[in-house]
């Protein structure tokens, strides 16, 4: 089980019940589902230190498809901390970082 705060549930169109169970996997876009679940399992099994994927999410409330950047890491205590933002925001921030660190 995991905790999903109310802002995240609202952004994803999830109810509290959907956010805590395994039901969330069915809202991953069918073309993204398998690869995302394999990467998530690898992360959980310590085959990778961090999880980072761009996924398409189908909101259960509106059926609208949104692109999300999803990240997770394991804390020293063993808990998992994760966050998400729109894929467009992720791309904009990456571009800004490139520009900021570019040679002058």
Protein backbone atom coordinates (compact mmCIF):
# COMPACT_ATOMS: atom_id res chain seq x y z
CA UNK A 1 0.00 0.00 0.00
CA UNK A 2 1.07 3.56 -0.60
CA UNK A 3 -0.07 7.07 0.18
CA UNK A 4 -1.17 9.47 -2.55
CA UNK A 5 -1.91 12.99 -1.36
CA UNK A 6 -5.15 14.74 -2.27
CA UNK A 7 -3.53 17.11 -4.79
CA UNK A 8 -2.07 14.15 -6.68
CA UNK A 9 -5.36 12.22 -6.54
CA UNK A 10 -7.18 15.25 -7.91
CA UNK A 11 -4.64 15.74 -10.70
CA UNK A 12 -4.98 12.08 -11.69
CA UNK A 13 -8.75 11.90 -11.27
CA UNK A 14 -8.45 9.14 -8.65
CA UNK A 15 -10.60 8.38 -5.66
CA UNK A 16 -8.94 7.40 -2.37
CA UNK A 17 -9.85 3.76 -3.00
CA UNK A 18 -8.29 3.68 -6.48
CA UNK A 19 -5.14 5.41 -5.26
CA UNK A 20 -4.28 2.83 -2.60
CA UNK A 21 -4.85 -0.45 -4.44
CA UNK A 22 -3.43 -2.03 -7.55
CA UNK A 23 -6.33 -0.67 -9.62
CA UNK A 24 -4.22 2.31 -10.71
CA UNK A 25 -2.35 0.17 -13.23
CA UNK A 26 -5.37 -0.09 -15.49
CA UNK A 27 -5.28 3.68 -16.05
CA UNK A 28 -1.86 3.57 -17.64
CA UNK A 29 -2.19 3.90 -21.41
CA UNK A 30 -2.25 0.37 -22.90
CA UNK A 31 0.88 1.08 -25.00
CA UNK A 32 2.78 2.26 -21.90
CA UNK A 33 1.51 -0.25 -19.36
CA UNK A 34 3.83 -3.23 -19.87
CA UNK A 35 7.07 -1.26 -20.07
CA UNK A 36 6.12 0.88 -17.10
CA UNK A 37 5.22 -2.11 -14.94
CA UNK A 38 8.46 -3.90 -15.84
CA UNK A 39 10.48 -0.77 -14.96
CA UNK A 40 8.50 -0.33 -11.72
CA UNK A 41 9.09 -3.97 -10.74
CA UNK A 42 12.81 -3.61 -11.48
CA UNK A 43 12.88 -0.53 -9.26
CA UNK A 44 11.05 -2.33 -6.44
CA UNK A 45 13.44 -5.28 -6.72
CA UNK A 46 16.48 -2.95 -6.49
CA UNK A 47 17.54 -3.59 -10.08
CA UNK A 48 17.55 0.16 -10.58
CA UNK A 49 18.23 2.89 -8.03
CA UNK A 50 15.55 5.27 -9.31
CA UNK A 51 12.39 5.14 -11.34
CA UNK A 52 11.78 7.71 -14.07
CA UNK A 53 9.28 7.31 -16.88
CA UNK A 54 7.17 9.46 -19.15
CA UNK A 55 3.78 7.77 -19.25
CA UNK A 56 0.37 8.43 -20.64
CA UNK A 57 -2.37 8.32 -18.02
CA UNK A 58 -6.07 7.91 -18.76
CA UNK A 59 -8.01 9.80 -16.11
CA UNK A 60 -10.75 7.50 -14.75
CA UNK A 61 -13.13 10.43 -14.21
CA UNK A 62 -12.93 12.17 -17.62
CA UNK A 63 -11.17 9.52 -19.78
CA UNK A 64 -8.77 12.30 -20.87
CA UNK A 65 -5.23 11.12 -21.65
CA UNK A 66 -2.46 13.17 -20.07
CA UNK A 67 1.31 12.75 -20.34
CA UNK A 68 3.14 12.59 -17.03
CA UNK A 69 6.73 12.44 -15.87
CA UNK A 70 6.84 10.00 -12.96
CA UNK A 71 9.83 9.68 -10.65
CA UNK A 72 10.53 7.65 -7.54
CA UNK A 73 13.46 6.92 -5.27
CA UNK A 74 14.03 4.82 -2.20
CA UNK A 75 14.86 6.64 0.99
CA UNK A 76 17.46 5.34 3.45
CA UNK A 77 14.67 4.17 5.75
CA UNK A 78 13.35 1.96 2.93
CA UNK A 79 10.28 4.04 2.11
CA UNK A 80 9.64 5.12 -1.45
CA UNK A 81 9.21 8.76 -2.28
CA UNK A 82 7.67 9.61 -5.61
CA UNK A 83 6.45 12.62 -7.49
CA UNK A 84 4.96 13.49 -10.82
CA UNK A 85 4.42 16.48 -13.05
CA UNK A 86 3.17 17.05 -16.55
CA UNK A 87 5.51 15.79 -19.25
CA UNK A 88 5.46 19.26 -20.81
CA UNK A 89 6.71 20.81 -17.55
CA UNK A 90 9.41 18.13 -17.33
CA UNK A 91 10.60 18.92 -20.85
CA UNK A 92 10.59 22.67 -20.18
CA UNK A 93 12.62 22.22 -16.99
CA UNK A 94 15.11 19.96 -18.75
CA UNK A 95 15.55 22.53 -21.51
CA UNK A 96 16.01 25.30 -18.96
CA UNK A 97 18.66 23.23 -17.19
CA UNK A 98 20.46 22.68 -20.49
CA UNK A 99 20.45 26.40 -21.22
CA UNK A 100 21.57 27.29 -17.71
CA UNK A 101 24.53 24.89 -17.83
CA UNK A 102 25.51 25.60 -21.44
CA UNK A 103 29.00 26.91 -22.04
CA UNK A 104 29.10 30.65 -22.42
